[in-house]
Amino acid sequence: MRFVHELEHEPSALRPARNALEAWCVAQGVDPESIVIMANELCTNAIRDGKGPVTLSGSCSTQWLSISVQQRGSVSLAMPPRAWALELRIAGRGLRMVDSLAQSWGWQTTADQTLVWARIARVSS
């Protein structure tokens, strides 16, 4: 079963997206904690750095749960450098969190859009 949620390009759209994703995970019999954290970080980045609406998608199989976040606009993504001073910053930790939680993740950019995806092993709730 697939999940698709369109977000307006504003921070207030994050809470409804998290709630909808959590409900979908629970309906799939999957613990939502890690996937909701990753989705929140990726959607936050998309709203901050992209243009226009953001699409949050999810899919699950017997082994994996995957999410993707698509936004208009090409964004240069890179892991922030690891430095002690950066650990104290509030911003700039989202991709590190995704990297820590996901079994695999990545991104694709074109001149018109950016798609970021993450995948974790399916853990039943």
PDB file of N, CA and C in Angstrom:
ATOM      1  N   MET A   1       0.839  -1.185   0.000  1.00  0.00           N
ATOM      2  CA  MET A   1       0.000   0.000   0.000  1.00  0.00           C
ATOM      3  C   MET A   1       0.881   1.245   0.000  1.00  0.00           C
ATOM      4  N   ARG A   2       0.446   2.245  -0.754  1.00  0.00           N
ATOM      5  CA  ARG A   2       1.214   3.491  -0.856  1.00  0.00           C
ATOM      6  C   ARG A   2       0.580   4.594  -0.032  1.00  0.00           C
ATOM      7  N   PHE A   3       1.417   5.532   0.348  1.00  0.00           N
ATOM      8  CA  PHE A   3       1.007   6.716   1.093  1.00  0.00           C
ATOM      9  C   PHE A   3       1.457   7.926   0.299  1.00  0.00           C
ATOM     10  N   VAL A   4       0.578   8.903   0.130  1.00  0.00           N
ATOM     11  CA  VAL A   4       0.947  10.156  -0.535  1.00  0.00           C
ATOM     12  C   VAL A   4       0.267  11.289   0.219  1.00  0.00           C
ATOM     13  N   HIS A   5       1.061  12.291   0.560  1.00  0.00           N
ATOM     14  CA  HIS A   5       0.537  13.463   1.271  1.00  0.00           C
ATOM     15  C   HIS A   5       1.178  14.703   0.665  1.00  0.00           C
ATOM     16  N   GLU A   6       0.345  15.626   0.219  1.00  0.00           N
ATOM     17  CA  GLU A   6       0.825  16.891  -0.339  1.00  0.00           C
ATOM     18  C   GLU A   6       0.916  17.924   0.783  1.00  0.00           C
ATOM     19  N   LEU A   7       2.031  18.603   0.876  1.00  0.00           N
ATOM     20  CA  LEU A   7       2.233  19.655   1.875  1.00  0.00           C
ATOM     21  C   LEU A   7       2.308  21.000   1.185  1.00  0.00           C
ATOM     22  N   GLU A   8       1.650  21.977   1.778  1.00  0.00           N
ATOM     23  CA  GLU A   8       1.837  23.352   1.318  1.00  0.00           C
ATOM     24  C   GLU A   8       3.263  23.769   1.689  1.00  0.00           C
ATOM     25  N   HIS A   9       3.744  24.780   1.047  1.00  0.00           N
ATOM     26  CA  HIS A   9       5.111  25.254   1.264  1.00  0.00           C
ATOM     27  C   HIS A   9       5.156  26.187   2.477  1.00  0.00           C
ATOM     28  N   GLU A  10       4.834  25.628   3.652  1.00  0.00           N
ATOM     29  CA  GLU A  10       4.873  26.417   4.888  1.00  0.00           C
ATOM     30  C   GLU A  10       5.064  25.475   6.072  1.00  0.00           C
ATOM     31  N   PRO A  11       5.763  25.907   7.096  1.00  0.00           N
ATOM     32  CA  PRO A  11       6.055  25.046   8.245  1.00  0.00           C
ATOM     33  C   PRO A  11       4.816  24.472   8.940  1.00  0.00           C
ATOM     34  N   SER A  12       3.698  25.170   8.906  1.00  0.00           N
ATOM     35  CA  SER A  12       2.493  24.651   9.565  1.00  0.00           C
ATOM     36  C   SER A  12       1.972  23.381   8.903  1.00  0.00           C
ATOM     37  N   ALA A  13       2.460  23.054   7.718  1.00  0.00           N
ATOM     38  CA  ALA A  13       2.041  21.832   7.023  1.00  0.00           C
ATOM     39  C   ALA A  13       2.735  20.588   7.574  1.00  0.00           C
ATOM     40  N   LEU A  14       3.762  20.759   8.402  1.00  0.00           N
ATOM     41  CA  LEU A  14       4.527  19.612   8.901  1.00  0.00           C
ATOM     42  C   LEU A  14       3.724  18.726   9.854  1.00  0.00           C
ATOM     43  N   ARG A  15       3.017  19.315  10.792  1.00  0.00           N
ATOM     44  CA  ARG A  15       2.274  18.522  11.780  1.00  0.00           C
ATOM     45  C   ARG A  15       1.225  17.622  11.118  1.00  0.00           C
ATOM     46  N   PRO A  16       0.366  18.153  10.229  1.00  0.00           N
ATOM     47  CA  PRO A  16      -0.594  17.255   9.573  1.00  0.00           C
ATOM     48  C   PRO A  16       0.083  16.134   8.772  1.00  0.00           C
ATOM     49  N   ALA A  17       1.226  16.431   8.159  1.00  0.00           N
ATOM     50  CA  ALA A  17       1.952  15.405   7.414  1.00  0.00           C
ATOM     51  C   ALA A  17       2.471  14.318   8.348  1.00  0.00           C
ATOM     52  N   ARG A  18       3.038  14.718   9.482  1.00  0.00           N
ATOM     53  CA  ARG A  18       3.515  13.736  10.469  1.00  0.00           C
ATOM     54  C   ARG A  18       2.367  12.875  10.979  1.00  0.00           C
ATOM     55  N   ASN A  19       1.248  13.514  11.297  1.00  0.00           N
ATOM     56  CA  ASN A  19       0.099  12.775  11.813  1.00  0.00           C
ATOM     57  C   ASN A  19      -0.433  11.778  10.790  1.00  0.00           C
ATOM     58  N   ALA A  20      -0.531  12.207   9.541  1.00  0.00           N
ATOM     59  CA  ALA A  20      -1.027  11.315   8.483  1.00  0.00           C
ATOM     60  C   ALA A  20      -0.065  10.141   8.266  1.00  0.00           C
ATOM     61  N   LEU A  21       1.236  10.407   8.262  1.00  0.00           N
ATOM     62  CA  LEU A  21       2.222   9.342   8.076  1.00  0.00           C
ATOM     63  C   LEU A  21       2.198   8.372   9.246  1.00  0.00           C
ATOM     64  N   GLU A  22       2.089   8.887  10.454  1.00  0.00           N
ATOM     65  CA  GLU A  22       2.024   8.018  11.629  1.00  0.00           C
ATOM     66  C   GLU A  22       0.797   7.111  11.558  1.00  0.00           C
ATOM     67  N   ALA A  23      -0.351   7.670  11.198  1.00  0.00           N
ATOM     68  CA  ALA A  23      -1.569   6.863  11.078  1.00  0.00           C
ATOM     69  C   ALA A  23      -1.409   5.785  10.005  1.00  0.00           C
ATOM     70  N   TRP A  24      -0.779   6.126   8.885  1.00  0.00           N
ATOM     71  CA  TRP A  24      -0.544   5.150   7.822  1.00  0.00           C
ATOM     72  C   TRP A  24       0.372   4.023   8.314  1.00  0.00           C
ATOM     73  N   CYS A  25       1.447   4.383   9.023  1.00  0.00           N
ATOM     74  CA  CYS A  25       2.370   3.366   9.553  1.00  0.00           C
ATOM     75  C   CYS A  25       1.631   2.419  10.500  1.00  0.00           C
ATOM     76  N   VAL A  26       0.847   2.973  11.394  1.00  0.00           N
ATOM     77  CA  VAL A  26       0.102   2.152  12.347  1.00  0.00           C
ATOM     78  C   VAL A  26      -0.863   1.223  11.599  1.00  0.00           C
ATOM     79  N   ALA A  27      -1.537   1.740  10.566  1.00  0.00           N
ATOM     80  CA  ALA A  27      -2.446   0.916   9.768  1.00  0.00           C
ATOM     81  C   ALA A  27      -1.706  -0.220   9.063  1.00  0.00           C
ATOM     82  N   GLN A  28      -0.415  -0.004   8.773  1.00  0.00           N
ATOM     83  CA  GLN A  28       0.395  -1.042   8.133  1.00  0.00           C
ATOM     84  C   GLN A  28       0.997  -2.006   9.160  1.00  0.00           C
ATOM     85  N   GLY A  29       0.780  -1.718  10.449  1.00  0.00           N
ATOM     86  CA  GLY A  29       1.356  -2.548  11.505  1.00  0.00           C
ATOM     87  C   GLY A  29       2.836  -2.301  11.701  1.00  0.00           C
ATOM     88  N   VAL A  30       3.269  -1.075  11.445  1.00  0.00           N
ATOM     89  CA  VAL A  30       4.685  -0.720  11.502  1.00  0.00           C
ATOM     90  C   VAL A  30       4.901   0.346  12.581  1.00  0.00           C
ATOM     91  N   ASP A  31       5.977   0.209  13.343  1.00  0.00           N
ATOM     92  CA  ASP A  31       6.346   1.223  14.331  1.00  0.00           C
ATOM     93  C   ASP A  31       6.704   2.513  13.581  1.00  0.00           C
ATOM     94  N   PRO A  32       5.994   3.616  13.849  1.00  0.00           N
ATOM     95  CA  PRO A  32       6.200   4.826  13.052  1.00  0.00           C
ATOM     96  C   PRO A  32       7.353   5.721  13.481  1.00  0.00           C
ATOM     97  N   GLU A  33       7.964   5.486  14.629  1.00  0.00           N
ATOM     98  CA  GLU A  33       8.876   6.467  15.209  1.00  0.00           C
ATOM     99  C   GLU A  33       9.990   6.919  14.259  1.00  0.00           C
ATOM    100  N   SER A  34      10.824   6.008  13.789  1.00  0.00           N
ATOM    101  CA  SER A  34      11.974   6.404  12.954  1.00  0.00           C
ATOM    102  C   SER A  34      11.539   7.008  11.625  1.00  0.00           C
ATOM    103  N   ILE A  35      10.523   6.433  11.021  1.00  0.00           N
ATOM    104  CA  ILE A  35      10.112   6.918   9.701  1.00  0.00           C
ATOM    105  C   ILE A  35       9.513   8.317   9.795  1.00  0.00           C
ATOM    106  N   VAL A  36       8.775   8.604  10.877  1.00  0.00           N
ATOM    107  CA  VAL A  36       8.191   9.931  11.057  1.00  0.00           C
ATOM    108  C   VAL A  36       9.296  10.959  11.324  1.00  0.00           C
ATOM    109  N   ILE A  37      10.301  10.598  12.095  1.00  0.00           N
ATOM    110  CA  ILE A  37      11.423  11.511  12.339  1.00  0.00           C
ATOM    111  C   ILE A  37      12.123  11.846  11.023  1.00  0.00           C
ATOM    112  N   MET A  38      12.417  10.826  10.218  1.00  0.00           N
ATOM    113  CA  MET A  38      13.101  11.071   8.948  1.00  0.00           C
ATOM    114  C   MET A  38      12.239  11.918   8.018  1.00  0.00           C
ATOM    115  N   ALA A  39      10.955  11.599   7.925  1.00  0.00           N
ATOM    116  CA  ALA A  39      10.064  12.370   7.050  1.00  0.00           C
ATOM    117  C   ALA A  39      10.003  13.826   7.486  1.00  0.00           C
ATOM    118  N   ASN A  40       9.920  14.050   8.788  1.00  0.00           N
ATOM    119  CA  ASN A  40       9.864  15.420   9.291  1.00  0.00           C
ATOM    120  C   ASN A  40      11.122  16.200   8.896  1.00  0.00           C
ATOM    121  N   GLU A  41      12.279  15.582   9.046  1.00  0.00           N
ATOM    122  CA  GLU A  41      13.529  16.265   8.689  1.00  0.00           C
ATOM    123  C   GLU A  41      13.601  16.559   7.192  1.00  0.00           C
ATOM    124  N   LEU A  42      13.224  15.582   6.369  1.00  0.00           N
ATOM    125  CA  LEU A  42      13.289  15.776   4.922  1.00  0.00           C
ATOM    126  C   LEU A  42      12.263  16.790   4.443  1.00  0.00           C
ATOM    127  N   CYS A  43      11.058  16.773   5.013  1.00  0.00           N
ATOM    128  CA  CYS A  43      10.033  17.752   4.637  1.00  0.00           C
ATOM    129  C   CYS A  43      10.422  19.150   5.100  1.00  0.00           C
ATOM    130  N   THR A  44      11.019  19.247   6.275  1.00  0.00           N
ATOM    131  CA  THR A  44      11.477  20.547   6.767  1.00  0.00           C
ATOM    132  C   THR A  44      12.505  21.137   5.806  1.00  0.00           C
ATOM    133  N   ASN A  45      13.452  20.318   5.383  1.00  0.00           N
ATOM    134  CA  ASN A  45      14.459  20.783   4.418  1.00  0.00           C
ATOM    135  C   ASN A  45      13.802  21.215   3.108  1.00  0.00           C
ATOM    136  N   ALA A  46      12.828  20.433   2.640  1.00  0.00           N
ATOM    137  CA  ALA A  46      12.164  20.748   1.371  1.00  0.00           C
ATOM    138  C   ALA A  46      11.418  22.078   1.460  1.00  0.00           C
ATOM    139  N   ILE A  47      10.746  22.307   2.580  1.00  0.00           N
ATOM    140  CA  ILE A  47      10.023  23.573   2.755  1.00  0.00           C
ATOM    141  C   ILE A  47      11.005  24.730   2.869  1.00  0.00           C
ATOM    142  N   ARG A  48      12.096  24.518   3.580  1.00  0.00           N
ATOM    143  CA  ARG A  48      13.079  25.587   3.770  1.00  0.00           C
ATOM    144  C   ARG A  48      13.824  25.911   2.473  1.00  0.00           C
ATOM    145  N   ASP A  49      14.199  24.886   1.708  1.00  0.00           N
ATOM    146  CA  ASP A  49      15.093  25.087   0.573  1.00  0.00           C
ATOM    147  C   ASP A  49      14.438  25.039  -0.801  1.00  0.00           C
ATOM    148  N   GLY A  50      13.228  24.484  -0.889  1.00  0.00           N
ATOM    149  CA  GLY A  50      12.587  24.303  -2.188  1.00  0.00           C
ATOM    150  C   GLY A  50      11.612  25.403  -2.516  1.00  0.00           C
ATOM    151  N   LYS A  51      10.828  25.118  -3.538  1.00  0.00           N
ATOM    152  CA  LYS A  51       9.809  26.060  -4.005  1.00  0.00           C
ATOM    153  C   LYS A  51       8.518  25.286  -4.192  1.00  0.00           C
ATOM    154  N   GLY A  52       7.411  25.896  -3.836  1.00  0.00           N
ATOM    155  CA  GLY A  52       6.109  25.298  -4.095  1.00  0.00           C
ATOM    156  C   GLY A  52       5.803  24.112  -3.205  1.00  0.00           C
ATOM    157  N   PRO A  53       4.761  23.362  -3.563  1.00  0.00           N
ATOM    158  CA  PRO A  53       4.311  22.252  -2.734  1.00  0.00           C
ATOM    159  C   PRO A  53       5.361  21.146  -2.631  1.00  0.00           C
ATOM    160  N   VAL A  54       5.230  20.363  -1.574  1.00  0.00           N
ATOM    161  CA  VAL A  54       6.122  19.240  -1.295  1.00  0.00           C
ATOM    162  C   VAL A  54       5.261  17.976  -1.271  1.00  0.00           C
ATOM    163  N   THR A  55       5.756  16.908  -1.850  1.00  0.00           N
ATOM    164  CA  THR A  55       5.033  15.637  -1.837  1.00  0.00           C
ATOM    165  C   THR A  55       5.798  14.638  -0.988  1.00  0.00           C
ATOM    166  N   LEU A  56       5.137  14.129   0.049  1.00  0.00           N
ATOM    167  CA  LEU A  56       5.675  13.071   0.899  1.00  0.00           C
ATOM    168  C   LEU A  56       5.005  11.773   0.483  1.00  0.00           C
ATOM    169  N   SER A  57       5.808  10.773   0.129  1.00  0.00           N
ATOM    170  CA  SER A  57       5.276   9.477  -0.284  1.00  0.00           C
ATOM    171  C   SER A  57       5.879   8.380   0.574  1.00  0.00           C
ATOM    172  N   GLY A  58       5.144   7.306   0.720  1.00  0.00           N
ATOM    173  CA  GLY A  58       5.634   6.151   1.456  1.00  0.00           C
ATOM    174  C   GLY A  58       5.169   4.869   0.798  1.00  0.00           C
ATOM    175  N   SER A  59       5.929   3.821   1.001  1.00  0.00           N
ATOM    176  CA  SER A  59       5.528   2.497   0.542  1.00  0.00           C
ATOM    177  C   SER A  59       6.147   1.474   1.480  1.00  0.00           C
ATOM    178  N   CYS A  60       5.511   0.318   1.567  1.00  0.00           N
ATOM    179  CA  CYS A  60       6.074  -0.713   2.427  1.00  0.00           C
ATOM    180  C   CYS A  60       5.928  -2.075   1.765  1.00  0.00           C
ATOM    181  N   SER A  61       6.844  -2.935   2.111  1.00  0.00           N
ATOM    182  CA  SER A  61       6.816  -4.328   1.685  1.00  0.00           C
ATOM    183  C   SER A  61       6.916  -5.164   2.955  1.00  0.00           C
ATOM    184  N   THR A  62       7.080  -6.441   2.803  1.00  0.00           N
ATOM    185  CA  THR A  62       7.222  -7.289   3.986  1.00  0.00           C
ATOM    186  C   THR A  62       8.537  -7.029   4.705  1.00  0.00           C
ATOM    187  N   GLN A  63       9.535  -6.452   4.011  1.00  0.00           N
ATOM    188  CA  GLN A  63      10.853  -6.239   4.607  1.00  0.00           C
ATOM    189  C   GLN A  63      11.223  -4.779   4.823  1.00  0.00           C
ATOM    190  N   TRP A  64      10.677  -3.857   4.030  1.00  0.00           N
ATOM    191  CA  TRP A  64      11.136  -2.473   4.036  1.00  0.00           C
ATOM    192  C   TRP A  64       9.991  -1.490   4.146  1.00  0.00           C
ATOM    193  N   LEU A  65      10.321  -0.328   4.679  1.00  0.00           N
ATOM    194  CA  LEU A  65       9.435   0.827   4.663  1.00  0.00           C
ATOM    195  C   LEU A  65      10.243   1.955   4.047  1.00  0.00           C
ATOM    196  N   SER A  66       9.701   2.569   3.003  1.00  0.00           N
ATOM    197  CA  SER A  66      10.415   3.620   2.282  1.00  0.00           C
ATOM    198  C   SER A  66       9.600   4.894   2.262  1.00  0.00           C
ATOM    199  N   ILE A  67      10.287   6.016   2.323  1.00  0.00           N
ATOM    200  CA  ILE A  67       9.647   7.308   2.137  1.00  0.00           C
ATOM    201  C   ILE A  67      10.433   8.088   1.098  1.00  0.00           C
ATOM    202  N   SER A  68       9.749   9.030   0.475  1.00  0.00           N
ATOM    203  CA  SER A  68      10.429   9.964  -0.417  1.00  0.00           C
ATOM    204  C   SER A  68       9.769  11.323  -0.270  1.00  0.00           C
ATOM    205  N   VAL A  69      10.563  12.346  -0.477  1.00  0.00           N
ATOM    206  CA  VAL A  69      10.092  13.726  -0.418  1.00  0.00           C
ATOM    207  C   VAL A  69      10.527  14.387  -1.712  1.00  0.00           C
ATOM    208  N   GLN A  70       9.542  14.916  -2.425  1.00  0.00           N
ATOM    209  CA  GLN A  70       9.809  15.556  -3.710  1.00  0.00           C
ATOM    210  C   GLN A  70       9.421  17.026  -3.615  1.00  0.00           C
ATOM    211  N   GLN A  71      10.284  17.874  -4.152  1.00  0.00           N
ATOM    212  CA  GLN A  71      10.037  19.312  -4.138  1.00  0.00           C
ATOM    213  C   GLN A  71      10.412  19.905  -5.467  1.00  0.00           C
ATOM    214  N   ARG A  72       9.812  21.045  -5.776  1.00  0.00           N
ATOM    215  CA  ARG A  72      10.217  21.781  -6.963  1.00  0.00           C
ATOM    216  C   ARG A  72      11.504  22.518  -6.663  1.00  0.00           C
ATOM    217  N   GLY A  73      12.348  22.599  -7.624  1.00  0.00           N
ATOM    218  CA  GLY A  73      13.611  23.312  -7.475  1.00  0.00           C
ATOM    219  C   GLY A  73      14.751  22.350  -7.245  1.00  0.00           C
ATOM    220  N   SER A  74      15.885  22.670  -7.779  1.00  0.00           N
ATOM    221  CA  SER A  74      17.079  21.853  -7.623  1.00  0.00           C
ATOM    222  C   SER A  74      17.853  22.352  -6.401  1.00  0.00           C
ATOM    223  N   VAL A  75      18.166  21.431  -5.514  1.00  0.00           N
ATOM    224  CA  VAL A  75      18.870  21.774  -4.285  1.00  0.00           C
ATOM    225  C   VAL A  75      20.148  20.965  -4.225  1.00  0.00           C
ATOM    226  N   SER A  76      21.231  21.594  -3.852  1.00  0.00           N
ATOM    227  CA  SER A  76      22.489  20.887  -3.664  1.00  0.00           C
ATOM    228  C   SER A  76      22.485  20.271  -2.269  1.00  0.00           C
ATOM    229  N   LEU A  77      22.572  18.954  -2.200  1.00  0.00           N
ATOM    230  CA  LEU A  77      22.568  18.266  -0.916  1.00  0.00           C
ATOM    231  C   LEU A  77      23.951  17.695  -0.637  1.00  0.00           C
ATOM    232  N   ALA A  78      24.350  17.818   0.591  1.00  0.00           N
ATOM    233  CA  ALA A  78      25.598  17.222   1.041  1.00  0.00           C
ATOM    234  C   ALA A  78      25.522  17.069   2.546  1.00  0.00           C
ATOM    235  N   MET A  79      26.186  16.047   3.055  1.00  0.00           N
ATOM    236  CA  MET A  79      26.235  15.883   4.498  1.00  0.00           C
ATOM    237  C   MET A  79      27.047  17.028   5.072  1.00  0.00           C
ATOM    238  N   PRO A  80      26.530  17.658   6.134  1.00  0.00           N
ATOM    239  CA  PRO A  80      27.328  18.703   6.768  1.00  0.00           C
ATOM    240  C   PRO A  80      28.595  18.104   7.368  1.00  0.00           C
ATOM    241  N   PRO A  81      29.670  18.887   7.420  1.00  0.00           N
ATOM    242  CA  PRO A  81      30.908  18.340   7.986  1.00  0.00           C
ATOM    243  C   PRO A  81      30.739  18.017   9.468  1.00  0.00           C
ATOM    244  N   ARG A  82      31.420  16.978   9.917  1.00  0.00           N
ATOM    245  CA  ARG A  82      31.391  16.621  11.342  1.00  0.00           C
ATOM    246  C   ARG A  82      32.421  17.491  12.053  1.00  0.00           C
ATOM    247  N   ALA A  83      31.917  18.303  12.916  1.00  0.00           N
ATOM    248  CA  ALA A  83      32.796  19.147  13.716  1.00  0.00           C
ATOM    249  C   ALA A  83      32.096  19.380  15.045  1.00  0.00           C
ATOM    250  N   TRP A  84      32.870  19.424  16.091  1.00  0.00           N
ATOM    251  CA  TRP A  84      32.288  19.569  17.417  1.00  0.00           C
ATOM    252  C   TRP A  84      31.403  20.794  17.512  1.00  0.00           C
ATOM    253  N   ALA A  85      31.839  21.915  16.954  1.00  0.00           N
ATOM    254  CA  ALA A  85      31.056  23.153  17.035  1.00  0.00           C
ATOM    255  C   ALA A  85      29.700  22.995  16.354  1.00  0.00           C
ATOM    256  N   LEU A  86      29.651  22.231  15.275  1.00  0.00           N
ATOM    257  CA  LEU A  86      28.392  22.051  14.565  1.00  0.00           C
ATOM    258  C   LEU A  86      27.420  21.180  15.353  1.00  0.00           C
ATOM    259  N   GLU A  87      27.917  20.322  16.243  1.00  0.00           N
ATOM    260  CA  GLU A  87      27.038  19.477  17.039  1.00  0.00           C
ATOM    261  C   GLU A  87      26.149  20.312  17.950  1.00  0.00           C
ATOM    262  N   LEU A  88      26.563  21.521  18.286  1.00  0.00           N
ATOM    263  CA  LEU A  88      25.797  22.383  19.175  1.00  0.00           C
ATOM    264  C   LEU A  88      24.785  23.248  18.428  1.00  0.00           C
ATOM    265  N   ARG A  89      24.847  23.274  17.111  1.00  0.00           N
ATOM    266  CA  ARG A  89      23.919  24.074  16.324  1.00  0.00           C
ATOM    267  C   ARG A  89      22.554  23.428  16.311  1.00  0.00           C
ATOM    268  N   ILE A  90      21.518  24.238  16.234  1.00  0.00           N
ATOM    269  CA  ILE A  90      20.159  23.717  16.137  1.00  0.00           C
ATOM    270  C   ILE A  90      19.884  23.253  14.718  1.00  0.00           C
ATOM    271  N   ALA A  91      20.282  24.021  13.730  1.00  0.00           N
ATOM    272  CA  ALA A  91      20.049  23.672  12.331  1.00  0.00           C
ATOM    273  C   ALA A  91      21.216  22.839  11.799  1.00  0.00           C
ATOM    274  N   GLY A  92      20.957  22.102  10.723  1.00  0.00           N
ATOM    275  CA  GLY A  92      22.025  21.375  10.056  1.00  0.00           C
ATOM    276  C   GLY A  92      22.215  19.943  10.503  1.00  0.00           C
ATOM    277  N   ARG A  93      21.316  19.421  11.329  1.00  0.00           N
ATOM    278  CA  ARG A  93      21.468  18.041  11.796  1.00  0.00           C
ATOM    279  C   ARG A  93      20.497  17.070  11.140  1.00  0.00           C
ATOM    280  N   GLY A  94      19.560  17.559  10.344  1.00  0.00           N
ATOM    281  CA  GLY A  94      18.529  16.716   9.766  1.00  0.00           C
ATOM    282  C   GLY A  94      19.058  15.564   8.932  1.00  0.00           C
ATOM    283  N   LEU A  95      19.986  15.845   8.017  1.00  0.00           N
ATOM    284  CA  LEU A  95      20.521  14.775   7.175  1.00  0.00           C
ATOM    285  C   LEU A  95      21.361  13.792   7.987  1.00  0.00           C
ATOM    286  N   ARG A  96      22.010  14.267   9.035  1.00  0.00           N
ATOM    287  CA  ARG A  96      22.748  13.352   9.923  1.00  0.00           C
ATOM    288  C   ARG A  96      21.780  12.412  10.632  1.00  0.00           C
ATOM    289  N   MET A  97      20.612  12.931  11.040  1.00  0.00           N
ATOM    290  CA  MET A  97      19.610  12.083  11.683  1.00  0.00           C
ATOM    291  C   MET A  97      19.105  11.031  10.697  1.00  0.00           C
ATOM    292  N   VAL A  98      18.814  11.450   9.477  1.00  0.00           N
ATOM    293  CA  VAL A  98      18.365  10.509   8.446  1.00  0.00           C
ATOM    294  C   VAL A  98      19.440   9.453   8.211  1.00  0.00           C
ATOM    295  N   ASP A  99      20.678   9.878   8.111  1.00  0.00           N
ATOM    296  CA  ASP A  99      21.788   8.950   7.890  1.00  0.00           C
ATOM    297  C   ASP A  99      21.912   7.942   9.030  1.00  0.00           C
ATOM    298  N   SER A 100      21.649   8.376  10.251  1.00  0.00           N
ATOM    299  CA  SER A 100      21.738   7.482  11.408  1.00  0.00           C
ATOM    300  C   SER A 100      20.576   6.491  11.470  1.00  0.00           C
ATOM    301  N   LEU A 101      19.392   6.910  11.051  1.00  0.00           N
ATOM    302  CA  LEU A 101      18.201   6.073  11.182  1.00  0.00           C
ATOM    303  C   LEU A 101      17.965   5.148   9.995  1.00  0.00           C
ATOM    304  N   ALA A 102      18.343   5.571   8.800  1.00  0.00           N
ATOM    305  CA  ALA A 102      18.030   4.823   7.579  1.00  0.00           C
ATOM    306  C   ALA A 102      19.054   3.724   7.311  1.00  0.00           C
ATOM    307  N   GLN A 103      18.569   2.610   6.767  1.00  0.00           N
ATOM    308  CA  GLN A 103      19.482   1.592   6.274  1.00  0.00           C
ATOM    309  C   GLN A 103      20.125   2.061   4.970  1.00  0.00           C
ATOM    310  N   SER A 104      19.353   2.824   4.187  1.00  0.00           N
ATOM    311  CA  SER A 104      19.893   3.434   2.974  1.00  0.00           C
ATOM    312  C   SER A 104      19.083   4.692   2.682  1.00  0.00           C
ATOM    313  N   TRP A 105      19.725   5.647   2.017  1.00  0.00           N
ATOM    314  CA  TRP A 105      19.047   6.865   1.630  1.00  0.00           C
ATOM    315  C   TRP A 105      19.859   7.541   0.539  1.00  0.00           C
ATOM    316  N   GLY A 106      19.223   8.462  -0.138  1.00  0.00           N
ATOM    317  CA  GLY A 106      19.922   9.175  -1.196  1.00  0.00           C
ATOM    318  C   GLY A 106      19.037  10.235  -1.795  1.00  0.00           C
ATOM    319  N   TRP A 107      19.497  10.829  -2.897  1.00  0.00           N
ATOM    320  CA  TRP A 107      18.736  11.888  -3.541  1.00  0.00           C
ATOM    321  C   TRP A 107      19.045  11.925  -5.018  1.00  0.00           C
ATOM    322  N   GLN A 108      18.115  12.539  -5.735  1.00  0.00           N
ATOM    323  CA  GLN A 108      18.264  12.784  -7.162  1.00  0.00           C
ATOM    324  C   GLN A 108      17.817  14.220  -7.399  1.00  0.00           C
ATOM    325  N   THR A 109      18.587  14.944  -8.172  1.00  0.00           N
ATOM    326  CA  THR A 109      18.202  16.314  -8.512  1.00  0.00           C
ATOM    327  C   THR A 109      18.217  16.483 -10.020  1.00  0.00           C
ATOM    328  N   THR A 110      17.296  17.278 -10.487  1.00  0.00           N
ATOM    329  CA  THR A 110      17.268  17.716 -11.877  1.00  0.00           C
ATOM    330  C   THR A 110      17.192  19.233 -11.833  1.00  0.00           C
ATOM    331  N   ALA A 111      17.112  19.848 -12.972  1.00  0.00           N
ATOM    332  CA  ALA A 111      16.992  21.310 -13.007  1.00  0.00           C
ATOM    333  C   ALA A 111      15.672  21.765 -12.403  1.00  0.00           C
ATOM    334  N   ASP A 112      14.661  20.880 -12.384  1.00  0.00           N
ATOM    335  CA  ASP A 112      13.318  21.270 -11.951  1.00  0.00           C
ATOM    336  C   ASP A 112      12.911  20.774 -10.574  1.00  0.00           C
ATOM    337  N   GLN A 113      13.544  19.708 -10.079  1.00  0.00           N
ATOM    338  CA  GLN A 113      13.067  19.140  -8.821  1.00  0.00           C
ATOM    339  C   GLN A 113      14.156  18.364  -8.092  1.00  0.00           C
ATOM    340  N   THR A 114      13.879  18.107  -6.824  1.00  0.00           N
ATOM    341  CA  THR A 114      14.757  17.300  -5.986  1.00  0.00           C
ATOM    342  C   THR A 114      13.904  16.234  -5.316  1.00  0.00           C
ATOM    343  N   LEU A 115      14.397  15.015  -5.321  1.00  0.00           N
ATOM    344  CA  LEU A 115      13.739  13.888  -4.674  1.00  0.00           C
ATOM    345  C   LEU A 115      14.727  13.275  -3.693  1.00  0.00           C
ATOM    346  N   VAL A 116      14.331  13.182  -2.431  1.00  0.00           N
ATOM    347  CA  VAL A 116      15.159  12.563  -1.398  1.00  0.00           C
ATOM    348  C   VAL A 116      14.388  11.354  -0.881  1.00  0.00           C
ATOM    349  N   TRP A 117      15.060  10.224  -0.707  1.00  0.00           N
ATOM    350  CA  TRP A 117      14.399   9.005  -0.255  1.00  0.00           C
ATOM    351  C   TRP A 117      15.186   8.373   0.885  1.00  0.00           C
ATOM    352  N   ALA A 118      14.480   7.590   1.672  1.00  0.00           N
ATOM    353  CA  ALA A 118      15.113   6.852   2.774  1.00  0.00           C
ATOM    354  C   ALA A 118      14.364   5.549   2.950  1.00  0.00           C
ATOM    355  N   ARG A 119      15.088   4.528   3.420  1.00  0.00           N
ATOM    356  CA  ARG A 119      14.495   3.212   3.590  1.00  0.00           C
ATOM    357  C   ARG A 119      14.995   2.598   4.898  1.00  0.00           C
ATOM    358  N   ILE A 120      14.060   2.000   5.635  1.00  0.00           N
ATOM    359  CA  ILE A 120      14.415   1.301   6.865  1.00  0.00           C
ATOM    360  C   ILE A 120      13.806  -0.088   6.839  1.00  0.00           C
ATOM    361  N   ALA A 121      14.401  -0.988   7.628  1.00  0.00           N
ATOM    362  CA  ALA A 121      13.842  -2.323   7.774  1.00  0.00           C
ATOM    363  C   ALA A 121      12.495  -2.214   8.460  1.00  0.00           C
ATOM    364  N   ARG A 122      11.561  -3.002   8.014  1.00  0.00           N
ATOM    365  CA  ARG A 122      10.214  -2.977   8.598  1.00  0.00           C
ATOM    366  C   ARG A 122      10.245  -3.617   9.976  1.00  0.00           C
ATOM    367  N   VAL A 123       9.783  -2.859  10.969  1.00  0.00           N
ATOM    368  CA  VAL A 123       9.681  -3.331  12.328  1.00  0.00           C
ATOM    369  C   VAL A 123       8.215  -3.216  12.732  1.00  0.00           C
ATOM    370  N   SER A 124       7.603  -4.310  13.087  1.00  0.00           N
ATOM    371  CA  SER A 124       6.184  -4.279  13.461  1.00  0.00           C
ATOM    372  C   SER A 124       6.013  -3.591  14.803  1.00  0.00           C
ATOM    373  N   SER A 125       4.871  -2.903  14.937  1.00  0.00           N
ATOM    374  CA  SER A 125       4.597  -2.209  16.192  1.00  0.00           C
ATOM    375  C   SER A 125       3.971  -3.147  17.210  1.00  0.00           C
TER     376      SER A 125
END
